N, C-alpha and C. Protein backbone atom coordinates (compact mmCIF):
# COMPACT_ATOMS: atom_id res chain seq x y z
N MET A 1 10.92 51.94 39.13
CA MET A 1 11.07 53.32 38.77
C MET A 1 9.86 53.74 37.94
N VAL A 2 9.18 54.78 38.31
CA VAL A 2 8.00 55.28 37.65
C VAL A 2 8.31 56.62 37.03
N LEU A 3 8.00 56.73 35.72
CA LEU A 3 8.23 58.02 35.05
C LEU A 3 7.07 58.95 35.37
N VAL A 4 7.40 60.18 35.65
CA VAL A 4 6.39 61.16 36.05
C VAL A 4 5.51 61.55 34.88
N ASP A 5 6.08 61.68 33.68
CA ASP A 5 5.30 62.14 32.54
C ASP A 5 4.63 60.98 31.79
N SER A 6 4.70 59.77 32.30
CA SER A 6 4.12 58.60 31.66
C SER A 6 2.62 58.56 31.92
N ASP A 7 1.86 58.26 30.85
CA ASP A 7 0.40 58.16 30.95
C ASP A 7 0.04 56.68 31.11
N PRO A 8 -0.56 56.30 32.23
CA PRO A 8 -0.87 54.89 32.47
C PRO A 8 -1.78 54.27 31.39
N GLU A 9 -2.69 55.05 30.86
CA GLU A 9 -3.58 54.51 29.83
C GLU A 9 -2.81 54.22 28.55
N GLU A 10 -1.90 55.13 28.18
CA GLU A 10 -1.07 54.91 27.00
C GLU A 10 -0.15 53.70 27.21
N ASP A 11 0.41 53.59 28.41
CA ASP A 11 1.27 52.44 28.73
C ASP A 11 0.47 51.13 28.62
N LEU A 12 -0.74 51.13 29.13
CA LEU A 12 -1.59 49.95 29.06
C LEU A 12 -1.91 49.60 27.61
N GLU A 13 -2.22 50.60 26.81
CA GLU A 13 -2.52 50.35 25.41
C GLU A 13 -1.30 49.79 24.68
N GLU A 14 -0.12 50.31 24.99
CA GLU A 14 1.13 49.83 24.38
C GLU A 14 1.37 48.37 24.77
N ILE A 15 1.16 48.07 26.05
CA ILE A 15 1.34 46.69 26.52
C ILE A 15 0.34 45.76 25.83
N GLN A 16 -0.88 46.24 25.68
CA GLN A 16 -1.91 45.43 25.02
C GLN A 16 -1.57 45.20 23.54
N ARG A 17 -1.04 46.23 22.86
CA ARG A 17 -0.63 46.09 21.45
C ARG A 17 0.51 45.07 21.33
N GLU A 18 1.48 45.18 22.25
CA GLU A 18 2.60 44.25 22.21
C GLU A 18 2.13 42.82 22.49
N ALA A 19 1.22 42.68 23.45
CA ALA A 19 0.69 41.35 23.78
C ALA A 19 -0.10 40.79 22.60
N ALA A 20 -0.88 41.63 21.94
CA ALA A 20 -1.66 41.18 20.78
C ALA A 20 -0.72 40.78 19.63
N ALA A 21 0.35 41.56 19.43
CA ALA A 21 1.31 41.23 18.39
C ALA A 21 2.01 39.91 18.70
N GLU A 22 2.39 39.73 19.96
CA GLU A 22 3.03 38.48 20.37
C GLU A 22 2.07 37.30 20.19
N GLN A 23 0.82 37.50 20.57
CA GLN A 23 -0.19 36.45 20.40
C GLN A 23 -0.36 36.11 18.92
N ALA A 24 -0.36 37.10 18.05
CA ALA A 24 -0.49 36.87 16.61
C ALA A 24 0.71 36.07 16.09
N ARG A 25 1.92 36.41 16.56
CA ARG A 25 3.12 35.66 16.14
C ARG A 25 3.03 34.20 16.60
N ILE A 26 2.58 34.00 17.85
CA ILE A 26 2.44 32.64 18.38
C ILE A 26 1.42 31.85 17.56
N GLU A 27 0.27 32.49 17.27
CA GLU A 27 -0.77 31.80 16.49
C GLU A 27 -0.28 31.46 15.09
N GLU A 28 0.45 32.37 14.47
CA GLU A 28 0.97 32.12 13.13
C GLU A 28 1.98 30.96 13.16
N ALA A 29 2.85 30.95 14.16
CA ALA A 29 3.82 29.85 14.28
C ALA A 29 3.09 28.53 14.51
N MET A 30 2.04 28.55 15.31
CA MET A 30 1.27 27.34 15.57
C MET A 30 0.58 26.85 14.30
N ARG A 31 0.01 27.78 13.51
CA ARG A 31 -0.63 27.39 12.25
C ARG A 31 0.39 26.75 11.30
N ALA A 32 1.59 27.33 11.25
CA ALA A 32 2.63 26.78 10.38
C ALA A 32 3.03 25.37 10.84
N LYS A 33 3.17 25.18 12.15
CA LYS A 33 3.52 23.85 12.67
C LYS A 33 2.41 22.85 12.40
N LEU A 34 1.16 23.27 12.58
CA LEU A 34 0.03 22.38 12.31
C LEU A 34 -0.04 22.01 10.83
N ALA A 35 0.21 22.97 9.97
CA ALA A 35 0.19 22.70 8.52
C ALA A 35 1.29 21.71 8.15
N ALA A 36 2.47 21.88 8.73
CA ALA A 36 3.58 20.96 8.45
C ALA A 36 3.26 19.56 8.97
N ALA A 37 2.69 19.49 10.17
CA ALA A 37 2.32 18.18 10.74
C ALA A 37 1.25 17.52 9.88
N HIS A 38 0.29 18.30 9.44
CA HIS A 38 -0.79 17.77 8.59
C HIS A 38 -0.21 17.22 7.28
N GLU A 39 0.72 17.92 6.70
CA GLU A 39 1.37 17.48 5.46
C GLU A 39 2.14 16.18 5.68
N ARG A 40 2.86 16.08 6.81
CA ARG A 40 3.60 14.84 7.11
C ARG A 40 2.65 13.66 7.26
N ILE A 41 1.53 13.90 7.95
CA ILE A 41 0.54 12.83 8.15
C ILE A 41 -0.05 12.40 6.81
N GLU A 42 -0.39 13.36 5.96
CA GLU A 42 -0.92 13.03 4.63
C GLU A 42 0.10 12.26 3.81
N LYS A 43 1.36 12.66 3.88
CA LYS A 43 2.41 11.98 3.12
C LYS A 43 2.54 10.53 3.59
N LYS A 44 2.55 10.32 4.92
CA LYS A 44 2.65 8.96 5.45
C LYS A 44 1.44 8.13 5.03
N CYS A 45 0.27 8.74 5.00
CA CYS A 45 -0.94 8.05 4.59
C CYS A 45 -0.84 7.63 3.12
N ARG A 46 -0.37 8.54 2.27
CA ARG A 46 -0.18 8.22 0.84
C ARG A 46 0.83 7.10 0.67
N GLU A 47 1.93 7.16 1.43
CA GLU A 47 2.96 6.12 1.35
C GLU A 47 2.41 4.77 1.80
N ARG A 48 1.62 4.78 2.87
CA ARG A 48 1.03 3.54 3.39
C ARG A 48 0.07 2.95 2.35
N LYS A 49 -0.76 3.80 1.74
CA LYS A 49 -1.68 3.31 0.72
C LYS A 49 -0.93 2.77 -0.48
N ALA A 50 0.14 3.44 -0.88
CA ALA A 50 0.95 2.96 -2.01
C ALA A 50 1.58 1.61 -1.67
N GLU A 51 2.05 1.45 -0.45
CA GLU A 51 2.65 0.18 -0.02
C GLU A 51 1.60 -0.93 0.00
N GLU A 52 0.41 -0.61 0.49
CA GLU A 52 -0.67 -1.60 0.50
C GLU A 52 -1.05 -2.00 -0.92
N ALA A 53 -1.10 -1.03 -1.83
CA ALA A 53 -1.42 -1.32 -3.23
C ALA A 53 -0.34 -2.19 -3.85
N ARG A 54 0.93 -1.90 -3.54
CA ARG A 54 2.04 -2.69 -4.07
C ARG A 54 1.95 -4.13 -3.57
N LYS A 55 1.67 -4.29 -2.28
CA LYS A 55 1.55 -5.64 -1.71
C LYS A 55 0.37 -6.39 -2.32
N ALA A 56 -0.74 -5.70 -2.52
CA ALA A 56 -1.91 -6.34 -3.12
C ALA A 56 -1.59 -6.78 -4.55
N LYS A 57 -0.87 -5.94 -5.28
CA LYS A 57 -0.49 -6.28 -6.65
C LYS A 57 0.42 -7.51 -6.66
N GLU A 58 1.38 -7.55 -5.74
CA GLU A 58 2.28 -8.70 -5.63
C GLU A 58 1.49 -9.96 -5.29
N ALA A 59 0.52 -9.83 -4.39
CA ALA A 59 -0.30 -10.99 -4.01
C ALA A 59 -1.11 -11.49 -5.21
N ARG A 60 -1.68 -10.55 -5.99
CA ARG A 60 -2.43 -10.95 -7.18
C ARG A 60 -1.52 -11.66 -8.18
N LYS A 61 -0.31 -11.13 -8.37
CA LYS A 61 0.64 -11.77 -9.29
C LYS A 61 0.99 -13.17 -8.81
N ALA A 62 1.20 -13.33 -7.51
CA ALA A 62 1.54 -14.64 -6.95
C ALA A 62 0.37 -15.61 -7.16
N GLU A 63 -0.85 -15.15 -6.94
CA GLU A 63 -2.03 -15.99 -7.16
C GLU A 63 -2.14 -16.40 -8.62
N GLU A 64 -1.92 -15.43 -9.52
CA GLU A 64 -1.99 -15.72 -10.95
C GLU A 64 -0.93 -16.75 -11.34
N GLU A 65 0.25 -16.62 -10.77
CA GLU A 65 1.32 -17.58 -11.06
C GLU A 65 0.96 -18.96 -10.53
N GLU A 66 0.40 -19.02 -9.32
CA GLU A 66 -0.03 -20.30 -8.76
C GLU A 66 -1.10 -20.94 -9.64
N GLU A 67 -2.05 -20.12 -10.11
CA GLU A 67 -3.11 -20.63 -10.98
C GLU A 67 -2.51 -21.15 -12.29
N ARG A 68 -1.55 -20.42 -12.84
CA ARG A 68 -0.92 -20.82 -14.09
C ARG A 68 -0.20 -22.15 -13.92
N VAL A 69 0.54 -22.29 -12.82
CA VAL A 69 1.27 -23.53 -12.55
C VAL A 69 0.28 -24.67 -12.35
N ALA A 70 -0.80 -24.42 -11.62
CA ALA A 70 -1.81 -25.46 -11.39
C ALA A 70 -2.44 -25.89 -12.71
N LYS A 71 -2.73 -24.93 -13.60
CA LYS A 71 -3.30 -25.27 -14.91
C LYS A 71 -2.32 -26.09 -15.73
N GLU A 72 -1.04 -25.69 -15.68
CA GLU A 72 -0.02 -26.45 -16.41
C GLU A 72 0.04 -27.88 -15.91
N LYS A 73 0.05 -28.05 -14.60
CA LYS A 73 0.10 -29.39 -14.03
C LYS A 73 -1.14 -30.19 -14.42
N ALA A 74 -2.30 -29.54 -14.38
CA ALA A 74 -3.53 -30.22 -14.77
C ALA A 74 -3.48 -30.63 -16.24
N MET A 75 -2.96 -29.75 -17.09
CA MET A 75 -2.83 -30.07 -18.51
C MET A 75 -1.87 -31.24 -18.70
N GLU A 76 -0.74 -31.23 -18.01
CA GLU A 76 0.22 -32.32 -18.11
C GLU A 76 -0.40 -33.63 -17.64
N GLU A 77 -1.13 -33.59 -16.54
CA GLU A 77 -1.79 -34.79 -16.03
C GLU A 77 -2.83 -35.29 -17.02
N SER A 78 -3.58 -34.36 -17.58
CA SER A 78 -4.58 -34.74 -18.58
C SER A 78 -3.91 -35.39 -19.78
N TRP A 79 -2.82 -34.80 -20.22
CA TRP A 79 -2.08 -35.36 -21.36
C TRP A 79 -1.57 -36.76 -21.02
N ARG A 80 -1.06 -36.96 -19.83
CA ARG A 80 -0.57 -38.28 -19.40
C ARG A 80 -1.70 -39.31 -19.39
N GLN A 81 -2.85 -38.86 -18.86
CA GLN A 81 -3.99 -39.77 -18.83
C GLN A 81 -4.43 -40.15 -20.24
N GLN A 82 -4.46 -39.16 -21.13
CA GLN A 82 -4.82 -39.45 -22.51
C GLN A 82 -3.82 -40.40 -23.14
N LEU A 83 -2.54 -40.20 -22.85
CA LEU A 83 -1.49 -41.08 -23.37
C LEU A 83 -1.66 -42.50 -22.84
N LYS A 84 -1.98 -42.61 -21.54
CA LYS A 84 -2.21 -43.94 -20.96
C LYS A 84 -3.38 -44.64 -21.63
N VAL A 85 -4.47 -43.89 -21.78
CA VAL A 85 -5.66 -44.47 -22.42
C VAL A 85 -5.32 -44.90 -23.84
N SER A 86 -4.61 -44.07 -24.55
CA SER A 86 -4.20 -44.40 -25.92
C SER A 86 -3.33 -45.64 -25.93
N CYS A 87 -2.41 -45.71 -24.99
CA CYS A 87 -1.51 -46.85 -24.89
C CYS A 87 -2.29 -48.12 -24.56
N TYR A 88 -3.21 -48.05 -23.62
CA TYR A 88 -4.01 -49.21 -23.26
C TYR A 88 -4.85 -49.69 -24.44
N ARG A 89 -5.41 -48.75 -25.19
CA ARG A 89 -6.21 -49.11 -26.36
C ARG A 89 -5.33 -49.84 -27.37
N SER A 90 -4.12 -49.30 -27.55
CA SER A 90 -3.20 -49.94 -28.49
C SER A 90 -2.88 -51.35 -28.03
N CYS A 91 -2.67 -51.54 -26.76
CA CYS A 91 -2.33 -52.85 -26.22
C CYS A 91 -3.47 -53.83 -26.44
N PHE A 92 -4.70 -53.39 -26.22
CA PHE A 92 -5.84 -54.28 -26.38
C PHE A 92 -6.14 -54.56 -27.84
N LEU A 93 -5.81 -53.64 -28.71
CA LEU A 93 -6.09 -53.83 -30.13
C LEU A 93 -5.05 -54.70 -30.82
N VAL A 94 -3.89 -54.88 -30.19
CA VAL A 94 -2.81 -55.67 -30.79
C VAL A 94 -3.23 -57.12 -30.91
N GLY A 95 -3.95 -57.58 -29.98
CA GLY A 95 -4.38 -58.97 -30.06
C GLY A 95 -4.24 -59.67 -28.75
N THR A 96 -4.14 -60.93 -28.83
CA THR A 96 -4.13 -61.74 -27.62
C THR A 96 -2.78 -61.80 -26.96
N ASP A 97 -1.73 -61.38 -27.62
CA ASP A 97 -0.42 -61.47 -26.98
C ASP A 97 -0.23 -60.42 -25.89
N LEU A 98 -1.08 -59.41 -25.86
CA LEU A 98 -1.08 -58.36 -24.83
C LEU A 98 0.30 -57.70 -24.66
N VAL A 99 0.99 -57.56 -25.73
CA VAL A 99 2.27 -56.87 -25.68
C VAL A 99 2.02 -55.41 -26.00
N CYS A 100 2.43 -54.57 -25.10
CA CYS A 100 2.24 -53.14 -25.31
C CYS A 100 3.42 -52.58 -26.07
N ARG A 101 3.14 -51.89 -27.13
CA ARG A 101 4.20 -51.36 -27.96
C ARG A 101 4.34 -49.84 -27.78
N CYS A 102 3.97 -49.36 -26.64
CA CYS A 102 4.06 -47.91 -26.37
C CYS A 102 5.40 -47.53 -25.84
């Protein structure tokens, strides 16, 4: 159905305005979706970095604990060796009976 008093140029301009408005709404919705997606990606990246930092900290603590235990064992072994040497010296200084009094 064609209206007799309708101006084709005005109709075309109206259609173009509506199309431009629709395009603007679509672009705005797309920008909002992209911004939300970008924020989610950044959040996941921050969470991943925080998790990596936490794991690295735990690994450092475990290494420090291993080093501490190794030092303790080395100190205990050193103490035992010193005790043995002391005991052997005592045994040799006692005399010819070679009785160890440790």
